[in-house]
Protein backbone atom coordinates (compact mmCIF):
# COMPACT_ATOMS: atom_id res chain seq x y z
CA UNK A 1 0.00 0.00 0.00
CA UNK A 2 1.38 3.39 -1.01
CA UNK A 3 1.37 6.20 1.53
CA UNK A 4 0.83 9.84 0.70
CA UNK A 5 3.23 12.32 2.27
CA UNK A 6 1.62 14.82 4.60
CA UNK A 7 2.79 17.89 2.63
CA UNK A 8 1.20 16.46 -0.53
CA UNK A 9 -2.09 16.05 1.33
CA UNK A 10 -1.90 19.68 2.50
CA UNK A 11 -1.11 20.84 -1.03
CA UNK A 12 -4.07 19.01 -2.57
CA UNK A 13 -6.38 20.18 0.23
CA UNK A 14 -5.31 23.79 -0.34
CA UNK A 15 -5.93 23.55 -4.09
CA UNK A 16 -9.39 22.06 -3.55
CA UNK A 17 -10.24 24.75 -0.98
CA UNK A 18 -9.08 27.51 -3.35
CA UNK A 19 -11.21 26.12 -6.20
CA UNK A 20 -14.27 25.83 -3.95
CA UNK A 21 -13.77 29.37 -2.66
CA UNK A 22 -13.44 30.72 -6.20
CA UNK A 23 -16.62 28.91 -7.25
CA UNK A 24 -18.40 30.26 -4.19
CA UNK A 25 -17.36 33.84 -5.02
CA UNK A 26 -18.27 33.59 -8.70
CA UNK A 27 -21.30 31.35 -8.37
CA UNK A 28 -23.36 33.24 -5.80
CA UNK A 29 -24.85 36.72 -5.82
CA UNK A 30 -23.31 37.50 -2.44
CA UNK A 31 -19.90 36.42 -3.72
CA UNK A 32 -20.19 38.61 -6.80
CA UNK A 33 -21.30 41.54 -4.65
CA UNK A 34 -18.31 40.96 -2.38
CA UNK A 35 -15.90 40.84 -5.32
CA UNK A 36 -17.40 44.05 -6.70
CA UNK A 37 -17.06 45.77 -3.33
CA UNK A 38 -13.41 44.66 -3.00
CA UNK A 39 -12.67 45.91 -6.52
CA UNK A 40 -14.32 49.29 -5.91
CA UNK A 41 -12.53 49.72 -2.57
CA UNK A 42 -9.14 48.92 -4.08
CA UNK A 43 -9.59 51.27 -7.04
CA UNK A 44 -10.80 54.05 -4.75
CA UNK A 45 -7.77 53.60 -2.51
CA UNK A 46 -5.48 53.69 -5.53
CA UNK A 47 -6.95 56.93 -6.85
CA UNK A 48 -7.22 58.64 -3.45
CA UNK A 49 -4.18 57.51 -1.45
CA UNK A 50 -4.42 59.32 1.87
CA UNK A 51 -2.06 57.01 3.73
CA UNK A 52 0.91 57.27 1.36
CA UNK A 53 3.46 59.94 2.28
CA UNK A 54 6.12 61.28 -0.03
CA UNK A 55 9.51 59.65 0.34
CA UNK A 56 12.27 61.32 -1.59
CA UNK A 57 14.78 58.89 -3.08
CA UNK A 58 17.68 61.30 -2.61
CA UNK A 59 17.49 60.45 1.09
CA UNK A 60 18.96 57.07 0.15
CA UNK A 61 21.95 58.56 -1.66
CA UNK A 62 25.12 57.58 0.25
CA UNK A 63 27.12 60.44 -1.30
CA UNK A 64 24.81 63.06 0.22
CA UNK A 65 26.11 63.83 3.77
CA UNK A 66 23.19 66.06 4.77
CA UNK A 67 20.74 63.35 3.72
CA UNK A 68 22.15 60.70 6.04
PDB file of N, CA and C in Angstrom:
ATOM      1  N   UNK A   1       0.835  -1.170   0.000  1.00  0.00           N
ATOM      2  CA  UNK A   1       0.000   0.000   0.000  1.00  0.00           C
ATOM      3  C   UNK A   1       0.890   1.248   0.000  1.00  0.00           C
ATOM      4  N   UNK A   2       0.567   2.179  -0.881  1.00  0.00           N
ATOM      5  CA  UNK A   2       1.382   3.391  -1.008  1.00  0.00           C
ATOM      6  C   UNK A   2       0.853   4.468  -0.062  1.00  0.00           C
ATOM      7  N   UNK A   3       1.778   5.125   0.614  1.00  0.00           N
ATOM      8  CA  UNK A   3       1.372   6.199   1.532  1.00  0.00           C
ATOM      9  C   UNK A   3       1.583   7.551   0.873  1.00  0.00           C
ATOM     10  N   UNK A   4       0.736   8.486   1.231  1.00  0.00           N
ATOM     11  CA  UNK A   4       0.829   9.844   0.699  1.00  0.00           C
ATOM     12  C   UNK A   4       1.525  10.717   1.734  1.00  0.00           C
ATOM     13  N   UNK A   5       2.567  11.437   1.319  1.00  0.00           N
ATOM     14  CA  UNK A   5       3.234  12.320   2.275  1.00  0.00           C
ATOM     15  C   UNK A   5       2.276  13.410   2.764  1.00  0.00           C
ATOM     16  N   UNK A   6       2.505  13.856   3.969  1.00  0.00           N
ATOM     17  CA  UNK A   6       1.617  14.825   4.597  1.00  0.00           C
ATOM     18  C   UNK A   6       1.599  16.150   3.835  1.00  0.00           C
ATOM     19  N   UNK A   7       2.752  16.612   3.341  1.00  0.00           N
ATOM     20  CA  UNK A   7       2.785  17.893   2.628  1.00  0.00           C
ATOM     21  C   UNK A   7       2.013  17.810   1.322  1.00  0.00           C
ATOM     22  N   UNK A   8       1.979  16.633   0.695  1.00  0.00           N
ATOM     23  CA  UNK A   8       1.196  16.462  -0.534  1.00  0.00           C
ATOM     24  C   UNK A   8      -0.297  16.542  -0.227  1.00  0.00           C
ATOM     25  N   UNK A   9      -0.692  15.969   0.898  1.00  0.00           N
ATOM     26  CA  UNK A   9      -2.089  16.048   1.332  1.00  0.00           C
ATOM     27  C   UNK A   9      -2.481  17.501   1.586  1.00  0.00           C
ATOM     28  N   UNK A  10      -1.616  18.261   2.252  1.00  0.00           N
ATOM     29  CA  UNK A  10      -1.898  19.675   2.502  1.00  0.00           C
ATOM     30  C   UNK A  10      -1.984  20.455   1.193  1.00  0.00           C
ATOM     31  N   UNK A  11      -1.119  20.145   0.259  1.00  0.00           N
ATOM     32  CA  UNK A  11      -1.113  20.841  -1.032  1.00  0.00           C
ATOM     33  C   UNK A  11      -2.415  20.593  -1.786  1.00  0.00           C
ATOM     34  N   UNK A  12      -2.834  19.352  -1.867  1.00  0.00           N
ATOM     35  CA  UNK A  12      -4.071  19.009  -2.571  1.00  0.00           C
ATOM     36  C   UNK A  12      -5.277  19.612  -1.852  1.00  0.00           C
ATOM     37  N   UNK A  13      -5.276  19.584  -0.530  1.00  0.00           N
ATOM     38  CA  UNK A  13      -6.375  20.177   0.234  1.00  0.00           C
ATOM     39  C   UNK A  13      -6.462  21.682  -0.013  1.00  0.00           C
ATOM     40  N   UNK A  14      -5.336  22.350  -0.080  1.00  0.00           N
ATOM     41  CA  UNK A  14      -5.314  23.787  -0.342  1.00  0.00           C
ATOM     42  C   UNK A  14      -5.831  24.124  -1.732  1.00  0.00           C
ATOM     43  N   UNK A  15      -5.457  23.316  -2.717  1.00  0.00           N
ATOM     44  CA  UNK A  15      -5.926  23.547  -4.090  1.00  0.00           C
ATOM     45  C   UNK A  15      -7.439  23.354  -4.169  1.00  0.00           C
ATOM     46  N   UNK A  16      -7.941  22.313  -3.541  1.00  0.00           N
ATOM     47  CA  UNK A  16      -9.386  22.059  -3.548  1.00  0.00           C
ATOM     48  C   UNK A  16     -10.123  23.191  -2.840  1.00  0.00           C
ATOM     49  N   UNK A  17      -9.604  23.655  -1.712  1.00  0.00           N
ATOM     50  CA  UNK A  17     -10.242  24.750  -0.983  1.00  0.00           C
ATOM     51  C   UNK A  17     -10.239  26.034  -1.806  1.00  0.00           C
ATOM     52  N   UNK A  18      -9.152  26.308  -2.521  1.00  0.00           N
ATOM     53  CA  UNK A  18      -9.081  27.510  -3.354  1.00  0.00           C
ATOM     54  C   UNK A  18     -10.090  27.451  -4.498  1.00  0.00           C
ATOM     55  N   UNK A  19     -10.231  26.277  -5.112  1.00  0.00           N
ATOM     56  CA  UNK A  19     -11.206  26.116  -6.198  1.00  0.00           C
ATOM     57  C   UNK A  19     -12.628  26.292  -5.668  1.00  0.00           C
ATOM     58  N   UNK A  20     -12.930  25.687  -4.529  1.00  0.00           N
ATOM     59  CA  UNK A  20     -14.267  25.832  -3.954  1.00  0.00           C
ATOM     60  C   UNK A  20     -14.573  27.275  -3.568  1.00  0.00           C
ATOM     61  N   UNK A  21     -13.581  27.969  -3.026  1.00  0.00           N
ATOM     62  CA  UNK A  21     -13.772  29.371  -2.660  1.00  0.00           C
ATOM     63  C   UNK A  21     -13.993  30.228  -3.897  1.00  0.00           C
ATOM     64  N   UNK A  22     -13.251  29.968  -4.961  1.00  0.00           N
ATOM     65  CA  UNK A  22     -13.437  30.724  -6.203  1.00  0.00           C
ATOM     66  C   UNK A  22     -14.822  30.461  -6.783  1.00  0.00           C
ATOM     67  N   UNK A  23     -15.270  29.226  -6.764  1.00  0.00           N
ATOM     68  CA  UNK A  23     -16.617  28.912  -7.252  1.00  0.00           C
ATOM     69  C   UNK A  23     -17.685  29.563  -6.387  1.00  0.00           C
ATOM     70  N   UNK A  24     -17.450  29.620  -5.097  1.00  0.00           N
ATOM     71  CA  UNK A  24     -18.399  30.265  -4.192  1.00  0.00           C
ATOM     72  C   UNK A  24     -18.502  31.754  -4.488  1.00  0.00           C
ATOM     73  N   UNK A  25     -17.357  32.405  -4.717  1.00  0.00           N
ATOM     74  CA  UNK A  25     -17.365  33.837  -5.016  1.00  0.00           C
ATOM     75  C   UNK A  25     -18.027  34.129  -6.355  1.00  0.00           C
ATOM     76  N   UNK A  26     -17.747  33.326  -7.362  1.00  0.00           N
ATOM     77  CA  UNK A  26     -18.268  33.594  -8.704  1.00  0.00           C
ATOM     78  C   UNK A  26     -19.696  33.070  -8.850  1.00  0.00           C
ATOM     79  N   UNK A  27     -20.032  32.016  -8.152  1.00  0.00           N
ATOM     80  CA  UNK A  27     -21.303  31.353  -8.366  1.00  0.00           C
ATOM     81  C   UNK A  27     -22.477  31.883  -7.574  1.00  0.00           C
ATOM     82  N   UNK A  28     -22.246  32.729  -6.599  1.00  0.00           N
ATOM     83  CA  UNK A  28     -23.359  33.238  -5.801  1.00  0.00           C
ATOM     84  C   UNK A  28     -23.451  34.752  -5.946  1.00  0.00           C
ATOM     85  N   UNK A  29     -24.639  35.276  -5.728  1.00  0.00           N
ATOM     86  CA  UNK A  29     -24.848  36.724  -5.824  1.00  0.00           C
ATOM     87  C   UNK A  29     -24.080  37.448  -4.724  1.00  0.00           C
ATOM     88  N   UNK A  30     -24.051  36.878  -3.546  1.00  0.00           N
ATOM     89  CA  UNK A  30     -23.312  37.499  -2.443  1.00  0.00           C
ATOM     90  C   UNK A  30     -21.821  37.534  -2.754  1.00  0.00           C
ATOM     91  N   UNK A  31     -21.312  36.472  -3.350  1.00  0.00           N
ATOM     92  CA  UNK A  31     -19.903  36.424  -3.721  1.00  0.00           C
ATOM     93  C   UNK A  31     -19.557  37.462  -4.764  1.00  0.00           C
ATOM     94  N   UNK A  32     -20.428  37.601  -5.767  1.00  0.00           N
ATOM     95  CA  UNK A  32     -20.187  38.612  -6.802  1.00  0.00           C
ATOM     96  C   UNK A  32     -20.270  40.023  -6.223  1.00  0.00           C
ATOM     97  N   UNK A  33     -21.201  40.238  -5.306  1.00  0.00           N
ATOM     98  CA  UNK A  33     -21.298  41.540  -4.648  1.00  0.00           C
ATOM     99  C   UNK A  33     -20.035  41.825  -3.837  1.00  0.00           C
ATOM    100  N   UNK A  34     -19.537  40.809  -3.164  1.00  0.00           N
ATOM    101  CA  UNK A  34     -18.310  40.960  -2.377  1.00  0.00           C
ATOM    102  C   UNK A  34     -17.122  41.272  -3.276  1.00  0.00           C
ATOM    103  N   UNK A  35     -17.001  40.572  -4.394  1.00  0.00           N
ATOM    104  CA  UNK A  35     -15.901  40.836  -5.321  1.00  0.00           C
ATOM    105  C   UNK A  35     -16.000  42.245  -5.895  1.00  0.00           C
ATOM    106  N   UNK A  36     -17.213  42.692  -6.197  1.00  0.00           N
ATOM    107  CA  UNK A  36     -17.403  44.055  -6.702  1.00  0.00           C
ATOM    108  C   UNK A  36     -17.001  45.075  -5.654  1.00  0.00           C
ATOM    109  N   UNK A  37     -17.398  44.848  -4.407  1.00  0.00           N
ATOM    110  CA  UNK A  37     -17.055  45.770  -3.326  1.00  0.00           C
ATOM    111  C   UNK A  37     -15.534  45.842  -3.128  1.00  0.00           C
ATOM    112  N   UNK A  38     -14.872  44.685  -3.163  1.00  0.00           N
ATOM    113  CA  UNK A  38     -13.411  44.661  -3.005  1.00  0.00           C
ATOM    114  C   UNK A  38     -12.748  45.426  -4.146  1.00  0.00           C
ATOM    115  N   UNK A  39     -13.236  45.212  -5.364  1.00  0.00           N
ATOM    116  CA  UNK A  39     -12.668  45.910  -6.521  1.00  0.00           C
ATOM    117  C   UNK A  39     -12.860  47.418  -6.390  1.00  0.00           C
ATOM    118  N   UNK A  40     -14.057  47.850  -6.029  1.00  0.00           N
ATOM    119  CA  UNK A  40     -14.316  49.288  -5.906  1.00  0.00           C
ATOM    120  C   UNK A  40     -13.493  49.912  -4.785  1.00  0.00           C
ATOM    121  N   UNK A  41     -13.342  49.198  -3.670  1.00  0.00           N
ATOM    122  CA  UNK A  41     -12.533  49.719  -2.568  1.00  0.00           C
ATOM    123  C   UNK A  41     -11.076  49.862  -2.983  1.00  0.00           C
ATOM    124  N   UNK A  42     -10.554  48.874  -3.700  1.00  0.00           N
ATOM    125  CA  UNK A  42      -9.140  48.922  -4.079  1.00  0.00           C
ATOM    126  C   UNK A  42      -8.882  50.024  -5.099  1.00  0.00           C
ATOM    127  N   UNK A  43      -9.807  50.213  -6.067  1.00  0.00           N
ATOM    128  CA  UNK A  43      -9.588  51.274  -7.045  1.00  0.00           C
ATOM    129  C   UNK A  43      -9.739  52.643  -6.408  1.00  0.00           C
ATOM    130  N   UNK A  44     -10.642  52.772  -5.448  1.00  0.00           N
ATOM    131  CA  UNK A  44     -10.799  54.053  -4.750  1.00  0.00           C
ATOM    132  C   UNK A  44      -9.549  54.376  -3.933  1.00  0.00           C
ATOM    133  N   UNK A  45      -8.982  53.370  -3.293  1.00  0.00           N
ATOM    134  CA  UNK A  45      -7.775  53.598  -2.509  1.00  0.00           C
ATOM    135  C   UNK A  45      -6.568  53.898  -3.387  1.00  0.00           C
ATOM    136  N   UNK A  46      -6.576  53.393  -4.614  1.00  0.00           N
ATOM    137  CA  UNK A  46      -5.478  53.687  -5.535  1.00  0.00           C
ATOM    138  C   UNK A  46      -5.570  55.120  -6.055  1.00  0.00           C
ATOM    139  N   UNK A  47      -6.795  55.583  -6.293  1.00  0.00           N
ATOM    140  CA  UNK A  47      -6.952  56.932  -6.846  1.00  0.00           C
ATOM    141  C   UNK A  47      -6.894  58.004  -5.777  1.00  0.00           C
ATOM    142  N   UNK A  48      -7.244  57.679  -4.544  1.00  0.00           N
ATOM    143  CA  UNK A  48      -7.221  58.643  -3.445  1.00  0.00           C
ATOM    144  C   UNK A  48      -6.346  58.136  -2.302  1.00  0.00           C
ATOM    145  N   UNK A  49      -5.045  58.067  -2.506  1.00  0.00           N
ATOM    146  CA  UNK A  49      -4.181  57.515  -1.447  1.00  0.00           C
ATOM    147  C   UNK A  49      -3.933  58.544  -0.341  1.00  0.00           C
ATOM    148  N   UNK A  50      -4.613  58.398   0.760  1.00  0.00           N
ATOM    149  CA  UNK A  50      -4.424  59.322   1.873  1.00  0.00           C
ATOM    150  C   UNK A  50      -3.359  58.831   2.850  1.00  0.00           C
ATOM    151  N   UNK A  51      -3.000  57.575   2.781  1.00  0.00           N
ATOM    152  CA  UNK A  51      -2.055  57.014   3.734  1.00  0.00           C
ATOM    153  C   UNK A  51      -0.625  56.964   3.200  1.00  0.00           C
ATOM    154  N   UNK A  52      -0.423  57.334   1.942  1.00  0.00           N
ATOM    155  CA  UNK A  52       0.915  57.270   1.362  1.00  0.00           C
ATOM    156  C   UNK A  52       1.572  58.645   1.478  1.00  0.00           C
ATOM    157  N   UNK A  53       2.726  58.699   2.114  1.00  0.00           N
ATOM    158  CA  UNK A  53       3.464  59.942   2.276  1.00  0.00           C
ATOM    159  C   UNK A  53       4.624  59.969   1.287  1.00  0.00           C
ATOM    160  N   UNK A  54       5.012  61.159   0.909  1.00  0.00           N
ATOM    161  CA  UNK A  54       6.122  61.279  -0.031  1.00  0.00           C
ATOM    162  C   UNK A  54       7.417  60.828   0.632  1.00  0.00           C
ATOM    163  N   UNK A  55       8.194  60.101  -0.117  1.00  0.00           N
ATOM    164  CA  UNK A  55       9.509  59.651   0.339  1.00  0.00           C
ATOM    165  C   UNK A  55      10.482  59.956  -0.784  1.00  0.00           C
ATOM    166  N   UNK A  56      11.347  60.893  -0.558  1.00  0.00           N
ATOM    167  CA  UNK A  56      12.269  61.318  -1.589  1.00  0.00           C
ATOM    168  C   UNK A  56      13.442  60.342  -1.673  1.00  0.00           C
ATOM    169  N   UNK A  57      13.744  59.899  -2.896  1.00  0.00           N
ATOM    170  CA  UNK A  57      14.781  58.890  -3.076  1.00  0.00           C
ATOM    171  C   UNK A  57      16.180  59.442  -2.833  1.00  0.00           C
ATOM    172  N   UNK A  58      16.352  60.767  -2.871  1.00  0.00           N
ATOM    173  CA  UNK A  58      17.685  61.304  -2.607  1.00  0.00           C
ATOM    174  C   UNK A  58      18.086  61.106  -1.145  1.00  0.00           C
ATOM    175  N   UNK A  59      17.153  60.763  -0.303  1.00  0.00           N
ATOM    176  CA  UNK A  59      17.493  60.451   1.091  1.00  0.00           C
ATOM    177  C   UNK A  59      18.290  59.155   1.183  1.00  0.00           C
ATOM    178  N   UNK A  60      18.231  58.333   0.156  1.00  0.00           N
ATOM    179  CA  UNK A  60      18.962  57.065   0.152  1.00  0.00           C
ATOM    180  C   UNK A  60      20.332  57.180  -0.508  1.00  0.00           C
ATOM    181  N   UNK A  61      20.680  58.358  -0.966  1.00  0.00           N
ATOM    182  CA  UNK A  61      21.946  58.563  -1.661  1.00  0.00           C
ATOM    183  C   UNK A  61      23.094  58.570  -0.658  1.00  0.00           C
ATOM    184  N   UNK A  62      24.019  57.618  -0.722  1.00  0.00           N
ATOM    185  CA  UNK A  62      25.120  57.581   0.247  1.00  0.00           C
ATOM    186  C   UNK A  62      26.147  58.684   0.068  1.00  0.00           C
ATOM    187  N   UNK A  63      26.155  59.360  -1.078  1.00  0.00           N
ATOM    188  CA  UNK A  63      27.123  60.441  -1.298  1.00  0.00           C
ATOM    189  C   UNK A  63      26.609  61.782  -0.792  1.00  0.00           C
ATOM    190  N   UNK A  64      25.401  61.820  -0.266  1.00  0.00           N
ATOM    191  CA  UNK A  64      24.810  63.064   0.221  1.00  0.00           C
ATOM    192  C   UNK A  64      24.919  63.085   1.755  1.00  0.00           C
ATOM    193  N   UNK A  65      25.909  63.856   2.322  1.00  0.00           N
ATOM    194  CA  UNK A  65      26.114  63.826   3.772  1.00  0.00           C
ATOM    195  C   UNK A  65      24.951  64.439   4.568  1.00  0.00           C
ATOM    196  N   UNK A  66      24.296  65.453   4.025  1.00  0.00           N
ATOM    197  CA  UNK A  66      23.192  66.057   4.771  1.00  0.00           C
ATOM    198  C   UNK A  66      21.930  65.196   4.721  1.00  0.00           C
ATOM    199  N   UNK A  67      21.917  64.219   3.820  1.00  0.00           N
ATOM    200  CA  UNK A  67      20.743  63.353   3.716  1.00  0.00           C
ATOM    201  C   UNK A  67      20.814  62.185   4.700  1.00  0.00           C
ATOM    202  N   UNK A  68      21.999  61.872   5.186  1.00  0.00           N
ATOM    203  CA  UNK A  68      22.150  60.701   6.035  1.00  0.00           C
ATOM    204  C   UNK A  68      21.946  61.046   7.496  1.00  0.00           C
TER     205      UNK A  68
END
